[in-house]
Protein backbone atom coordinates (compact mmCIF):
# COMPACT_ATOMS: atom_id res chain seq x y z
CA MET A 1 55.49 -137.58 -39.02
CA LYS A 2 52.01 -136.12 -39.34
CA ARG A 3 51.46 -132.44 -38.81
CA ARG A 4 49.05 -131.80 -36.05
CA PRO A 5 45.70 -129.97 -37.20
CA LEU A 6 46.42 -126.95 -34.82
CA ALA A 7 49.96 -126.47 -36.26
CA THR A 8 48.61 -126.74 -39.92
CA CYS A 9 45.94 -124.04 -39.24
CA ARG A 10 48.43 -121.83 -37.65
CA ALA A 11 50.92 -122.16 -40.53
CA LEU A 12 47.96 -121.46 -43.08
CA LEU A 13 47.02 -118.48 -41.16
CA VAL A 14 50.48 -117.00 -41.24
CA LEU A 15 50.79 -117.52 -45.00
CA LEU A 16 47.38 -115.96 -45.58
CA LEU A 17 48.35 -112.91 -43.55
CA ALA A 18 51.57 -112.52 -45.45
CA LEU A 19 49.67 -112.68 -48.84
CA VAL A 20 47.01 -110.16 -47.65
CA HIS A 21 49.39 -107.55 -46.20
CA ALA A 22 52.22 -107.83 -48.77
CA GLY A 23 52.68 -104.44 -50.40
CA THR A 24 50.30 -102.64 -47.98
CA PRO A 25 51.35 -98.88 -47.86
CA ALA A 26 52.98 -97.64 -44.66
CA ALA A 27 50.06 -95.73 -43.14
CA PRO A 28 48.61 -95.78 -39.65
CA ALA A 29 46.17 -98.57 -39.18
CA ASP A 30 43.88 -99.96 -36.44
CA ALA A 31 46.11 -102.24 -34.42
CA ALA A 32 43.30 -104.92 -34.37
CA ALA A 33 43.63 -105.26 -38.25
CA LEU A 34 47.35 -105.79 -38.08
CA PRO A 35 49.08 -109.18 -37.43
CA SER A 36 50.25 -109.82 -33.79
CA LEU A 37 53.91 -109.53 -32.95
CA ALA A 38 54.28 -113.18 -32.98
CA GLU A 39 52.87 -113.51 -36.47
CA LEU A 40 55.11 -110.64 -37.78
CA GLU A 41 58.11 -112.45 -36.35
CA ALA A 42 57.01 -115.69 -38.00
CA MET A 43 56.83 -113.76 -41.33
CA GLY A 44 60.47 -112.50 -40.95
CA ALA A 45 59.25 -108.82 -40.54
CA ARG A 46 61.96 -106.16 -39.83
CA ILE A 47 61.62 -103.13 -37.71
CA GLY A 48 60.98 -99.74 -39.51
CA GLU A 49 60.11 -96.58 -37.74
CA ILE A 50 59.88 -96.52 -33.98
CA ARG A 51 57.45 -94.05 -32.58
CA ILE A 52 57.76 -92.96 -28.93
CA ASP A 53 54.65 -91.73 -27.46
CA ALA A 54 55.38 -90.45 -23.95
CA GLN A 55 52.09 -89.57 -22.20
CA ASP A 56 51.22 -87.70 -19.16
CA VAL A 57 50.36 -89.07 -15.67
CA PHE A 58 46.48 -88.99 -16.34
CA ASP A 59 44.60 -89.64 -19.44
CA THR A 60 42.06 -86.76 -19.54
CA THR A 61 40.32 -88.17 -22.76
CA ASP A 62 38.88 -90.74 -20.28
CA PRO A 63 35.90 -89.10 -18.41
CA LYS A 64 36.98 -90.84 -15.20
CA GLU A 65 40.21 -88.95 -15.27
CA ASP A 66 39.08 -85.66 -16.79
CA ARG A 67 39.09 -83.76 -13.45
CA TRP A 68 40.56 -80.45 -12.52
CA LEU A 69 43.08 -82.06 -10.03
CA PHE A 70 44.27 -84.45 -12.65
CA ARG A 71 44.56 -81.72 -15.33
CA LEU A 72 46.54 -79.61 -12.94
CA ALA A 73 48.92 -82.58 -12.13
CA ASP A 74 49.59 -83.09 -15.90
CA ARG A 75 50.36 -79.36 -16.28
CA LEU A 76 52.70 -79.34 -13.36
CA HIS A 77 54.45 -82.60 -14.21
CA ILE A 78 57.34 -82.60 -16.85
CA ARG A 79 56.88 -85.77 -19.06
CA THR A 80 59.66 -88.15 -19.61
CA ARG A 81 61.65 -87.03 -22.75
CA PRO A 82 61.19 -89.40 -25.63
CA GLY A 83 64.93 -89.70 -26.00
CA VAL A 84 65.24 -91.21 -22.50
CA ILE A 85 62.75 -93.89 -23.44
CA GLU A 86 64.33 -94.50 -26.84
CA ARG A 87 67.69 -95.05 -25.27
CA ALA A 88 66.18 -97.66 -23.07
CA LEU A 89 64.97 -99.87 -25.98
CA LEU A 90 66.70 -103.18 -26.72
CA PHE A 91 65.60 -103.18 -30.34
CA HIS A 92 66.42 -100.70 -33.21
CA SER A 93 65.31 -99.85 -36.66
CA GLY A 94 66.45 -102.18 -39.39
CA GLU A 95 66.69 -105.23 -37.04
CA PRO A 96 64.57 -108.37 -37.33
CA LEU A 97 61.61 -108.22 -35.12
CA SER A 98 61.76 -110.32 -32.03
CA VAL A 99 59.00 -110.95 -29.64
CA ARG A 100 61.46 -111.97 -26.98
CA VAL A 101 63.39 -108.73 -27.15
CA ILE A 102 60.25 -106.68 -27.18
CA ASP A 103 58.92 -108.56 -24.11
CA GLU A 104 62.32 -108.00 -22.36
CA THR A 105 62.23 -104.26 -23.22
CA GLU A 106 58.79 -103.97 -21.74
CA ARG A 107 59.89 -105.89 -18.66
CA LEU A 108 62.71 -103.64 -18.09
CA LEU A 109 60.75 -100.29 -18.79
CA ARG A 110 58.04 -101.45 -16.39
CA SER A 111 60.71 -101.87 -13.70
CA ASN A 112 61.33 -98.22 -13.96
CA HIS A 113 59.15 -96.73 -11.28
CA THR A 114 58.77 -93.45 -13.19
CA LEU A 115 56.59 -95.19 -15.73
CA TYR A 116 53.09 -96.21 -14.77
CA ASP A 117 52.29 -98.18 -18.01
CA VAL A 118 54.16 -99.44 -21.16
CA GLN A 119 52.56 -100.76 -24.37
CA ILE A 120 54.80 -101.75 -27.41
CA ARG A 121 52.59 -102.54 -30.48
CA PRO A 122 52.72 -102.63 -34.35
CA VAL A 123 51.09 -99.58 -35.94
CA ALA A 124 51.75 -100.14 -39.68
CA TRP A 125 53.57 -102.64 -41.95
CA HIS A 126 54.56 -102.91 -45.57
CA ASP A 127 56.87 -104.83 -47.71
CA GLY A 128 58.15 -106.93 -44.82
CA VAL A 129 58.82 -103.89 -42.66
CA VAL A 130 56.77 -103.13 -39.49
CA ASP A 131 56.56 -99.70 -37.65
CA LEU A 132 56.29 -99.92 -33.97
CA GLU A 133 54.86 -97.56 -31.30
CA VAL A 134 56.11 -97.49 -27.73
CA ALA A 135 53.48 -95.91 -25.63
CA THR A 136 54.31 -94.99 -22.06
CA ARG A 137 52.42 -93.22 -19.40
CA ASP A 138 54.31 -91.40 -16.66
CA ALA A 139 53.99 -91.78 -13.01
CA TRP A 140 53.82 -88.75 -10.77
CA SER A 141 57.58 -88.26 -9.81
CA LEU A 142 57.75 -85.57 -7.20
CA ASP A 143 57.57 -86.83 -3.60
CA PRO A 144 57.23 -83.96 -1.35
CA GLY A 145 56.04 -84.82 2.24
CA PHE A 146 56.37 -86.95 5.19
CA SER A 147 56.49 -90.60 5.91
CA ALA A 148 55.36 -92.40 9.14
CA GLY A 149 55.13 -96.08 10.24
CA ARG A 150 55.04 -98.35 13.23
CA SER A 151 56.48 -101.74 13.43
CA GLY A 152 57.20 -103.99 16.38
CA GLY A 153 56.14 -101.35 18.74
CA ALA A 154 58.62 -98.63 17.48
CA ASN A 155 57.63 -95.58 15.47
CA THR A 156 59.49 -94.33 12.46
CA GLY A 157 59.00 -91.34 10.19
CA GLY A 158 60.54 -88.56 8.18
CA LEU A 159 60.25 -85.36 6.14
CA HIS A 160 61.76 -85.31 2.52
CA ILE A 161 61.52 -84.04 -0.99
CA ARG A 162 62.69 -86.12 -3.89
CA GLU A 163 62.18 -85.86 -7.68
CA TYR A 164 62.50 -89.26 -9.30
CA ASN A 165 62.37 -87.96 -12.83
CA LEU A 166 64.14 -84.56 -12.77
CA LEU A 167 62.97 -82.47 -15.91
CA GLY A 168 61.91 -85.74 -17.51
CA THR A 169 65.52 -87.04 -17.81
CA GLY A 170 65.20 -89.94 -15.49
CA VAL A 171 67.63 -88.43 -12.91
CA SER A 172 66.61 -88.80 -9.32
CA LEU A 173 67.46 -86.13 -6.76
CA GLY A 174 66.35 -85.94 -3.10
CA ILE A 175 67.06 -84.66 0.28
CA GLY A 176 65.27 -85.47 3.58
CA HIS A 177 65.33 -86.27 7.38
CA SER A 178 64.21 -89.54 8.77
CA LYS A 179 63.95 -91.23 12.11
CA GLY A 180 64.36 -95.04 12.08
CA ILE A 181 64.53 -97.71 14.62
CA ASP A 182 68.35 -97.32 15.17
CA ARG A 183 69.05 -93.72 14.17
CA SER A 184 67.73 -90.36 12.77
CA SER A 185 69.34 -89.11 9.59
CA ASN A 186 69.67 -86.24 7.26
CA GLU A 187 70.18 -87.71 3.70
CA PHE A 188 71.14 -86.51 0.17
CA GLN A 189 70.69 -88.80 -2.86
CA LEU A 190 71.53 -88.55 -6.53
CA SER A 191 71.11 -91.10 -9.24
CA ALA A 192 71.19 -91.22 -12.92
CA ASP A 193 70.63 -94.21 -15.36
CA ARG A 194 72.05 -94.26 -18.89
CA VAL A 195 74.20 -91.19 -18.45
CA PHE A 196 75.55 -89.56 -21.49
CA GLY A 197 73.38 -91.86 -23.64
CA THR A 198 75.22 -94.99 -22.47
CA TRP A 199 73.98 -97.78 -20.27
CA ALA A 200 76.10 -96.62 -17.23
CA SER A 201 74.49 -95.42 -14.15
CA ILE A 202 75.93 -93.02 -11.41
CA ASN A 203 74.71 -93.25 -7.74
CA LEU A 204 75.86 -90.83 -4.95
CA SER A 205 74.59 -90.59 -1.43
CA HIS A 206 75.48 -88.92 1.81
CA ALA A 207 73.91 -89.40 5.21
CA SER A 208 74.70 -87.34 8.38
CA ASN A 209 73.27 -89.56 11.06
CA SER A 210 72.63 -89.18 14.85
CA ASP A 211 75.30 -91.85 15.58
CA GLY A 212 77.67 -91.24 12.70
CA GLN A 213 77.99 -90.71 8.92
CA ARG A 214 77.60 -92.74 5.62
CA ASP A 215 78.81 -91.93 2.15
CA ALA A 216 78.47 -94.07 -0.95
CA ALA A 217 79.21 -93.66 -4.66
CA SER A 218 79.09 -95.96 -7.67
CA VAL A 219 79.54 -95.94 -11.37
CA VAL A 220 78.47 -99.00 -13.17
CA ARG A 221 77.69 -100.15 -16.57
CA PRO A 222 75.79 -103.33 -15.78
CA PHE A 223 74.76 -106.47 -17.81
CA TYR A 224 71.62 -104.48 -18.58
CA ALA A 225 69.78 -107.20 -20.65
CA LEU A 226 70.17 -110.93 -21.12
CA ASP A 227 71.98 -110.50 -24.36
CA ALA A 228 74.40 -107.84 -22.94
CA ARG A 229 77.99 -108.57 -23.73
CA TRP A 230 80.03 -106.74 -21.24
CA ALA A 231 79.86 -105.06 -18.01
CA ALA A 232 82.22 -102.85 -15.80
CA GLY A 233 81.92 -100.77 -12.72
CA ALA A 234 83.39 -99.27 -9.39
CA SER A 235 81.76 -98.73 -6.08
CA ALA A 236 82.75 -97.37 -2.59
CA SER A 237 81.19 -96.85 0.71
CA LYS A 238 82.15 -95.68 4.04
CA ASP A 239 79.95 -95.95 7.19
CA ASP A 240 80.46 -95.01 10.71
CA ARG A 241 77.68 -96.12 12.97
CA LEU A 242 76.41 -97.74 16.34
CA ASP A 243 75.37 -101.41 16.17
CA SER A 244 72.90 -102.59 18.78
CA VAL A 245 72.42 -105.99 20.62
CA TYR A 246 68.78 -106.83 21.56
CA ASP A 247 67.19 -109.29 23.90
CA GLY A 248 63.36 -109.68 24.35
CA GLY A 249 62.80 -106.75 22.10
CA GLU A 250 64.87 -104.31 24.30
CA MET A 251 68.38 -102.92 23.53
CA ILE A 252 70.92 -104.19 25.91
CA ALA A 253 74.24 -103.09 24.47
CA GLN A 254 75.74 -100.88 21.74
CA TYR A 255 79.24 -100.54 20.11
CA ARG A 256 80.92 -98.49 17.29
CA HIS A 257 81.23 -100.11 13.98
CA ARG A 258 83.41 -98.41 11.23
CA GLN A 259 83.19 -99.95 7.91
CA THR A 260 84.84 -99.34 4.38
CA GLN A 261 83.68 -101.25 1.35
CA ALA A 262 84.85 -101.00 -2.36
CA GLU A 263 84.85 -102.99 -5.46
CA VAL A 264 86.12 -102.72 -9.12
CA PHE A 265 85.13 -105.29 -11.65
CA GLY A 266 84.94 -106.06 -15.43
CA GLY A 267 82.64 -108.62 -17.12
CA TRP A 268 82.28 -110.55 -20.38
CA SER A 269 79.30 -112.58 -21.71
CA PRO A 270 78.64 -114.39 -24.96
CA GLY A 271 75.04 -113.29 -24.79
CA LEU A 272 71.79 -115.12 -24.83
CA VAL A 273 72.50 -118.53 -26.51
CA ASP A 274 69.58 -121.09 -26.73
CA GLY A 275 67.66 -119.40 -23.82
CA TRP A 276 70.64 -119.27 -21.37
CA THR A 277 73.06 -116.45 -20.46
CA HIS A 278 76.53 -117.07 -19.17
CA ARG A 279 78.39 -114.12 -17.48
CA PHE A 280 82.05 -114.11 -16.34
CA SER A 281 83.57 -111.29 -14.25
CA LEU A 282 86.93 -110.41 -12.55
CA GLY A 283 87.43 -107.96 -9.87
CA VAL A 284 88.86 -106.81 -6.52
CA ALA A 285 86.81 -106.12 -3.40
CA LEU A 286 87.89 -104.41 -0.29
CA GLN A 287 85.96 -104.90 3.06
CA ASP A 288 87.44 -103.29 6.34
CA ASP A 289 85.43 -103.50 9.52
CA ALA A 290 86.62 -101.94 12.90
CA TYR A 291 84.85 -102.20 16.19
CA ALA A 292 85.15 -100.34 19.33
CA PRO A 293 83.24 -99.52 22.70
CA GLU A 294 81.39 -96.36 22.68
CA PRO A 295 82.03 -94.01 25.62
CA GLY A 296 78.96 -93.66 27.90
CA LEU A 297 77.24 -96.72 26.36
CA THR A 298 77.11 -100.36 27.57
CA ALA A 299 79.28 -102.53 25.41
CA PRO A 300 78.60 -106.35 24.75
CA ALA A 301 80.65 -108.80 26.70
CA GLU A 302 82.86 -109.41 23.55
CA LEU A 303 83.27 -107.15 20.47
CA PRO A 304 83.74 -108.73 16.96
CA PRO A 305 87.36 -108.76 15.89
CA ASP A 306 88.59 -106.10 13.46
CA GLN A 307 89.15 -107.47 10.02
CA ARG A 308 90.42 -106.19 6.67
CA LEU A 309 90.05 -108.27 3.51
CA VAL A 310 91.42 -107.24 0.10
CA THR A 311 90.13 -109.96 -2.20
CA PRO A 312 90.70 -110.61 -6.02
CA PHE A 313 87.73 -112.66 -7.10
CA ALA A 314 86.15 -114.24 -9.93
CA ARG A 315 82.38 -114.31 -10.51
CA TYR A 316 80.13 -116.67 -12.67
CA GLU A 317 76.43 -116.11 -13.42
CA LEU A 318 73.95 -118.29 -15.18
CA LEU A 319 70.50 -117.04 -16.10
CA GLU A 320 67.59 -118.67 -17.94
CA ASP A 321 65.31 -116.77 -20.09
CA ARG A 322 61.87 -117.78 -18.63
CA PHE A 323 59.65 -115.12 -17.43
CA GLU A 324 55.87 -114.97 -17.06
CA LYS A 325 53.57 -112.02 -16.64
CA GLU A 326 50.94 -112.25 -13.98
CA LEU A 327 48.37 -109.99 -12.27
CA ASN A 328 47.27 -109.70 -8.62
CA ARG A 329 50.13 -111.46 -6.86
CA ASN A 330 52.41 -108.95 -4.97
CA LEU A 331 50.70 -105.80 -6.42
CA ILE A 332 47.08 -104.85 -7.30
CA GLY A 333 45.95 -104.47 -10.84
CA ARG A 334 49.25 -104.08 -12.28
CA PRO A 335 51.40 -106.60 -14.44
CA GLU A 336 54.18 -108.36 -12.60
CA PHE A 337 56.89 -110.40 -14.04
CA PHE A 338 58.08 -113.66 -12.42
CA SER A 339 61.42 -115.25 -13.14
CA LEU A 340 60.65 -118.91 -13.44
CA GLY A 341 63.98 -119.82 -14.96
CA LEU A 342 67.29 -120.82 -13.19
CA ALA A 343 69.32 -117.90 -11.81
CA SER A 344 72.50 -118.67 -10.14
CA THR A 345 75.80 -116.91 -9.08
CA LEU A 346 79.02 -118.18 -7.82
CA GLN A 347 81.90 -115.94 -6.57
CA LEU A 348 85.25 -117.02 -5.17
CA GLY A 349 88.02 -114.83 -3.99
CA ARG A 350 91.41 -115.09 -2.18
CA ALA A 351 92.30 -112.73 0.47
CA SER A 352 96.02 -112.53 1.59
CA ARG A 353 98.15 -110.60 3.84
CA SER A 354 100.54 -109.82 0.88
CA LEU A 355 97.78 -107.57 -0.43
CA GLY A 356 97.08 -105.88 2.89
CA SER A 357 94.47 -108.09 4.42
CA SER A 358 94.48 -108.92 8.13
CA THR A 359 94.36 -112.65 7.42
CA ASP A 360 94.77 -115.16 4.62
CA ALA A 361 91.26 -116.56 3.61
CA TRP A 362 89.16 -117.85 0.93
CA VAL A 363 86.03 -115.61 0.57
CA TYR A 364 82.98 -117.22 -1.18
CA ALA A 365 79.29 -116.35 -2.13
CA ALA A 366 76.70 -118.27 -4.01
CA SER A 367 73.05 -118.12 -4.76
CA ILE A 368 70.52 -119.96 -6.71
CA ALA A 369 66.82 -119.41 -7.55
CA ARG A 370 64.21 -121.35 -9.65
CA GLY A 371 60.51 -121.01 -10.34
CA PHE A 372 58.07 -123.68 -10.79
CA ARG A 373 54.36 -124.32 -11.94
CA PRO A 374 53.23 -127.18 -9.71
CA ALA A 375 49.73 -127.06 -11.22
CA GLY A 376 47.58 -124.68 -13.26
CA GLU A 377 48.40 -121.02 -12.42
CA GLN A 378 50.12 -121.88 -9.09
CA THR A 379 53.68 -120.64 -8.76
CA LEU A 380 56.48 -121.86 -6.56
CA ILE A 381 59.63 -119.83 -6.28
CA ALA A 382 62.55 -121.37 -4.20
CA ALA A 383 65.93 -119.74 -3.49
CA ALA A 384 69.19 -120.42 -1.55
CA ARG A 385 72.17 -118.34 -0.70
CA LEU A 386 75.55 -118.93 0.94
CA SER A 387 78.36 -116.71 1.86
CA GLY A 388 81.39 -117.06 4.22
CA GLN A 389 85.16 -117.32 4.69
CA TYR A 390 87.47 -120.17 5.02
CA SER A 391 90.82 -119.80 6.84
CA SER A 392 93.18 -121.73 9.16
CA GLY A 393 91.18 -124.95 8.22
CA GLN A 394 87.83 -123.56 9.56
CA VAL A 395 84.58 -121.99 7.97
CA ARG A 396 84.02 -118.68 9.50
CA ARG A 397 81.22 -116.08 9.40
CA GLN A 398 79.29 -118.15 7.18
CA GLN A 399 75.64 -117.38 6.48
CA PHE A 400 73.27 -119.86 4.72
CA GLY A 401 69.60 -119.18 3.82
CA LEU A 402 66.62 -120.87 2.19
CA GLN A 403 63.45 -119.15 1.18
CA THR A 404 60.31 -120.30 -0.70
CA GLN A 405 57.19 -118.41 -1.79
CA TYR A 406 54.02 -120.24 -3.07
CA TYR A 407 50.98 -118.54 -4.73
CA VAL A 408 47.71 -120.27 -5.42
CA PRO A 409 45.32 -118.08 -7.29
CA GLN A 410 41.52 -118.66 -6.32
CA GLY A 411 39.67 -116.87 -9.08
CA GLY A 412 40.54 -113.20 -10.09
CA ARG A 413 40.08 -111.74 -6.63
CA TRP A 414 41.43 -114.31 -3.96
CA LEU A 415 44.88 -115.83 -3.60
CA PHE A 416 46.43 -118.15 -1.05
CA TYR A 417 50.02 -117.29 -0.29
CA ALA A 418 52.47 -119.23 1.78
CA ALA A 419 56.22 -118.58 2.58
CA GLY A 420 59.04 -120.01 4.40
CA ALA A 421 62.59 -119.01 5.32
CA ALA A 422 65.37 -120.59 7.31
CA ASP A 423 68.78 -119.08 8.08
CA LEU A 424 71.93 -120.40 9.72
CA LEU A 425 75.18 -118.73 11.13
CA THR A 426 78.35 -120.82 11.32
CA ARG A 427 80.95 -119.36 13.50
CA PRO A 428 79.85 -115.80 13.50
CA ALA A 429 81.86 -113.12 15.17
CA PRO A 430 80.79 -112.15 18.60
CA ALA A 431 77.47 -109.86 18.67
CA GLU A 432 76.61 -111.14 15.10
CA THR A 433 73.16 -112.70 15.29
CA LEU A 434 70.02 -113.43 13.27
CA GLN A 435 66.99 -111.49 14.58
CA LEU A 436 63.31 -112.07 14.59
CA GLY A 437 60.42 -109.95 15.57
CA GLY A 438 57.71 -107.42 14.58
CA ASP A 439 60.26 -105.59 12.14
CA ASN A 440 61.15 -108.58 10.00
CA GLY A 441 58.22 -111.03 9.76
CA LEU A 442 56.71 -112.00 13.21
CA ARG A 443 54.14 -109.26 13.14
CA GLY A 444 52.64 -110.02 16.61
CA TYR A 445 55.78 -109.26 18.68
CA PRO A 446 58.09 -106.41 19.46
CA LEU A 447 61.02 -105.70 17.08
CA ARG A 448 64.00 -107.98 17.40
CA TYR A 449 62.39 -110.01 20.04
CA GLN A 450 64.53 -113.09 19.55
CA ASN A 451 68.06 -113.54 18.18
CA GLY A 452 70.59 -116.34 17.64
CA THR A 453 72.43 -118.30 15.15
CA HIS A 454 69.38 -120.06 13.81
CA ARG A 455 66.22 -118.65 12.47
CA ALA A 456 63.06 -120.02 10.78
CA LEU A 457 59.86 -118.17 9.72
CA PHE A 458 56.65 -119.48 8.14
CA THR A 459 53.83 -117.32 6.95
CA VAL A 460 50.31 -118.05 5.36
CA GLU A 461 48.06 -115.44 4.02
CA GLU A 462 44.67 -115.34 2.33
CA ARG A 463 44.79 -112.39 0.17
CA PHE A 464 42.00 -110.30 -1.39
CA TYR A 465 42.29 -107.95 -4.24
CA THR A 466 39.22 -105.55 -4.72
CA ASP A 467 38.03 -103.57 -7.76
CA LEU A 468 38.14 -100.29 -5.70
CA TYR A 469 40.22 -97.72 -7.48
CA VAL A 470 39.73 -94.77 -5.16
CA TRP A 471 39.98 -91.37 -6.99
CA ARG A 472 41.88 -93.26 -9.82
CA LEU A 473 44.71 -93.25 -7.38
CA PHE A 474 44.50 -95.87 -4.74
CA ARG A 475 43.86 -99.60 -5.30
CA VAL A 476 42.73 -101.63 -2.27
CA GLY A 477 43.25 -105.09 -0.92
CA GLY A 478 43.48 -107.03 2.25
CA ALA A 479 44.71 -110.11 3.91
CA VAL A 480 44.12 -112.52 6.81
CA PHE A 481 47.53 -113.94 8.01
CA ALA A 482 49.42 -116.10 10.51
CA ASP A 483 53.07 -116.28 11.31
CA VAL A 484 55.08 -118.86 13.08
CA GLY A 485 58.84 -118.41 13.92
CA ARG A 486 61.76 -118.85 16.07
CA ALA A 487 65.41 -117.67 16.45
CA TRP A 488 67.75 -119.53 18.84
CA GLY A 489 71.20 -120.82 19.41
CA GLY A 490 74.48 -119.17 20.00
CA GLY A 491 73.98 -118.36 23.66
CA THR A 492 72.48 -114.91 22.90
CA GLY A 493 68.76 -115.68 22.26
CA ASN A 494 65.93 -114.43 24.29
CA LEU A 495 66.09 -116.28 27.62
CA ARG A 496 62.58 -115.18 28.72
CA ASN A 497 60.79 -116.76 25.81
CA PRO A 498 63.05 -118.85 23.67
CA GLY A 499 60.56 -121.17 22.15
CA TRP A 500 58.45 -121.00 18.94
CA LEU A 501 56.28 -117.88 18.72
CA SER A 502 53.11 -117.41 16.53
CA ASP A 503 50.56 -114.82 15.78
CA ALA A 504 47.54 -114.19 13.59
CA GLY A 505 45.90 -111.10 12.24
CA VAL A 506 44.21 -109.10 9.48
CA GLY A 507 45.52 -106.37 7.28
CA LEU A 508 44.62 -103.64 4.86
CA ARG A 509 46.74 -103.12 1.70
CA ILE A 510 46.61 -99.71 -0.19
CA VAL A 511 48.70 -99.06 -3.31
CA ASN A 512 49.05 -95.54 -4.76
CA THR A 513 49.57 -96.67 -8.38
CA ARG A 514 50.17 -93.25 -10.03
CA THR A 515 53.33 -92.32 -8.19
CA ALA A 516 57.05 -93.26 -8.92
CA PHE A 517 57.49 -93.74 -5.15
CA SER A 518 54.40 -95.99 -4.74
CA ASN A 519 54.90 -98.99 -2.48
CA VAL A 520 52.29 -101.17 -0.74
CA LEU A 521 51.04 -99.51 2.48
CA HIS A 522 50.35 -102.24 5.13
CA VAL A 523 48.11 -101.58 8.01
CA ASP A 524 48.04 -104.71 10.04
CA LEU A 525 46.42 -105.72 13.32
CA ALA A 526 48.48 -108.83 14.77
CA PHE A 527 47.53 -110.83 17.81
CA PRO A 528 50.19 -112.84 19.49
CA VAL A 529 49.39 -116.40 20.49
CA ASP A 530 50.25 -117.73 24.00
CA ALA A 531 52.67 -114.62 24.46
CA ASP A 532 54.29 -113.66 27.70
CA ALA A 533 52.95 -110.86 29.75
CA ASP A 534 55.66 -108.43 28.53
CA VAL A 535 54.09 -108.51 24.96
CA ARG A 536 51.15 -106.45 24.10
CA LYS A 537 48.12 -108.42 23.26
CA VAL A 538 47.50 -106.41 20.07
CA GLN A 539 50.28 -105.13 17.80
CA LEU A 540 49.61 -102.41 15.32
CA GLN A 541 51.80 -102.32 12.28
CA VAL A 542 51.92 -99.46 9.70
CA LYS A 543 54.59 -99.52 7.26
CA THR A 544 55.40 -99.49 3.52
CA ARG A 545 56.79 -102.40 1.65
CA THR A 546 57.62 -103.26 -2.00
CA SER A 547 54.95 -106.00 -2.09
CA PHE A 548 51.63 -107.28 -0.76
């Protein structure tokens, strides 16, 4: 079989680089004069020294960032400790260099919101050994202030103070007061990743709410990487709240819901083999739900039945190592990683009265997702999920959902986006419905305007990403959009307007790129199409989301 000319040239280039650089002294060098990571891997290089360069929030050597405000921010900010970054690396000195492992390390570090930028590059190499530099730039991590939003005709807001990177350790600590659609809340949160130098994480939270209280705690050592071999953890939460029933965007009933959840699990994996990861877990889960009328409030015609499930379970996960880095998709001007490989989970458990359950039932959950490249730089991501119970010969409380997202770049600044979602409930408990309105995708209508056992929503957007970088803090974009959706079935839907609903509108997108709490601020004007007289002709939405 004849070698192709391109492959021959590549092989000759690698051989030439090996001859030229053999015996080169270990000294700092211009990265442009060094082989690439792929070339070093092809030459069988091993990792030598790993240098951690944890940098401030702003680069004051850049004239555009050499301003008094940015210098003050750098002085007030405590940089991430090098040891915190070093413990998060998936590679170590003495190991063979692997581009795949380095790419996964960058992906995991970038998922940490306390880091604004991550660069991993070779800085020197000699005698088959390469020294690497891990350069990170912090994001501003102290979030003191207030939040405000409007969605579906309802206002939300709050006051809070939260430090996402306490003393540069990666610990997050916060307190605050918020007012949401359903309740106001005083909250405390504490979370820490890689505690005591391990991959374990601890999360604690407490909320004293206007309608009850919620407490949650977890200690988990996850499958932190594709090649991680084991995981274990325990979590528990207790929630006492009021649940609401809506019709036409107006609350018509409320009832008390007391819920306790807990899980203990342990897992094993052979690691990443030929591009695939298989994970196996065993555990026990508890879910206890109790419902009651609330004195002084209108209760629904029928309450969900109380249920307690103690469920030993087995879980299987299958992941494909296929990720691609993109720009200007769901964020502006920052790298994003899309999982295009197969990702699936299957969990099956058996609840029985002998273990304290209120019924004998099979409890199941499954999910699957896959990315595709239809043509050129286009990206299509499809996902499905299923969960429910099987008892007494019937499927109960089953939820099934489908979702697709389609990205079509149109040059560097424009992108066409389309999304679709469909959901179905099978034999839900009374008062359990799927909701649709201004707070969950149908932007031109009041919140929770329709509800039922079926739901469908379709969205198209023409997105625009500008070069504006206001004060080196805010990136700006925009969108023209249209939504079409409907929720129906189950006898609980909006009887005044039960058909398909649609809207169109324009929106502004603003991203504060330099903070650990930066989400995408949406400011949308949405106009309902052929709406009833009870719906305002213009809906203003102001809210933060995790994506464009």
